[in-house]
């Protein structure tokens, strides 16, 4: 939902989801939409935590904030016509 919340700040009128599909329900629907139940068990509902502090320290790289990255990516998708803004 972090991704959705970052987009909603800039585009509040877009119809974006406001809640998750429960894992048990997604697991039931998975084979019908091209996912295996094994994939769902291993990947859905798992929080991804990453730490870029070593890269920043060792290589001196500064990263854009998450919200700015998402906004720029979303703007490009809209510019390319992949997402329509009403």
Protein backbone atom coordinates (compact mmCIF):
# COMPACT_ATOMS: atom_id res chain seq x y z
CA UNK A 1 0.00 0.00 0.00
CA UNK A 2 3.03 2.31 0.27
CA UNK A 3 3.10 2.54 -3.50
CA UNK A 4 -0.61 3.36 -3.72
CA UNK A 5 -0.33 5.98 -0.98
CA UNK A 6 2.58 7.66 -2.76
CA UNK A 7 0.53 7.91 -5.97
CA UNK A 8 -2.64 9.06 -4.16
CA UNK A 9 -0.80 12.11 -2.81
CA UNK A 10 -0.19 13.42 -6.34
CA UNK A 11 -3.30 11.99 -8.06
CA UNK A 12 -6.11 11.75 -5.49
CA UNK A 13 -8.84 11.34 -8.15
CA UNK A 14 -7.46 8.12 -9.65
CA UNK A 15 -9.35 4.95 -8.73
CA UNK A 16 -6.68 3.14 -6.72
CA UNK A 17 -7.18 0.30 -4.23
CA UNK A 18 -7.54 1.20 -0.57
CA UNK A 19 -7.16 -2.27 0.97
CA UNK A 20 -5.49 -5.63 0.40
CA UNK A 21 -7.04 -8.81 -0.97
CA UNK A 22 -6.74 -11.37 1.87
CA UNK A 23 -4.03 -13.95 1.22
CA UNK A 24 -6.48 -16.87 1.55
CA UNK A 25 -8.73 -15.35 -1.13
CA UNK A 26 -5.82 -14.60 -3.46
CA UNK A 27 -4.63 -18.17 -2.96
CA UNK A 28 -8.03 -19.47 -4.11
CA UNK A 29 -8.03 -17.24 -7.20
CA UNK A 30 -4.33 -17.67 -8.03
CA UNK A 31 -4.58 -20.57 -10.51
CA UNK A 32 -7.27 -18.71 -12.47
CA UNK A 33 -5.03 -15.66 -12.96
CA UNK A 34 -1.76 -17.42 -13.70
CA UNK A 35 -0.14 -17.84 -10.28
CA UNK A 36 0.61 -21.08 -8.47
CA UNK A 37 -0.42 -21.54 -4.86
CA UNK A 38 3.23 -22.20 -4.11
CA UNK A 39 4.08 -18.73 -5.45
CA UNK A 40 1.34 -17.16 -3.33
CA UNK A 41 2.54 -18.96 -0.21
CA UNK A 42 6.12 -17.77 -0.71
CA UNK A 43 5.56 -14.22 -2.01
CA UNK A 44 2.21 -12.69 -1.10
CA UNK A 45 2.02 -10.83 2.19
CA UNK A 46 5.78 -10.91 2.74
CA UNK A 47 7.25 -7.56 3.73
CA UNK A 48 10.35 -6.63 1.78
CA UNK A 49 12.97 -4.82 3.80
CA UNK A 50 16.06 -3.43 2.12
CA UNK A 51 18.94 -1.43 3.46
CA UNK A 52 21.05 0.68 1.12
CA UNK A 53 23.26 2.21 3.82
CA UNK A 54 26.34 0.21 2.78
CA UNK A 55 25.99 1.29 -0.85
CA UNK A 56 25.51 4.91 0.19
CA UNK A 57 28.50 4.77 2.54
CA UNK A 58 30.94 2.75 0.40
CA UNK A 59 30.12 4.26 -2.99
CA UNK A 60 28.88 7.67 -1.92
CA UNK A 61 25.59 7.24 -3.78
CA UNK A 62 22.56 9.27 -2.74
CA UNK A 63 19.15 7.84 -3.55
CA UNK A 64 15.95 9.69 -4.36
CA UNK A 65 13.21 9.39 -1.75
CA UNK A 66 10.72 6.59 -2.45
CA UNK A 67 7.82 8.99 -3.03
CA UNK A 68 9.75 11.01 -5.62
CA UNK A 69 10.83 7.86 -7.46
CA UNK A 70 7.25 6.56 -7.60
CA UNK A 71 5.91 9.95 -8.72
CA UNK A 72 8.45 10.24 -11.57
CA UNK A 73 7.80 6.67 -12.70
CA UNK A 74 4.04 7.19 -12.60
CA UNK A 75 4.35 10.46 -14.54
CA UNK A 76 6.33 8.65 -17.24
CA UNK A 77 3.71 5.89 -17.48
CA UNK A 78 1.02 8.55 -17.93
CA UNK A 79 3.10 10.40 -20.52
CA UNK A 80 3.58 7.15 -22.48
CA UNK A 81 -0.15 6.46 -22.35
CA UNK A 82 0.16 3.30 -20.24
CA UNK A 83 -2.05 4.91 -17.57
CA UNK A 84 -4.90 7.21 -18.45
CA UNK A 85 -5.57 10.25 -16.24
CA UNK A 86 -9.26 11.13 -16.26
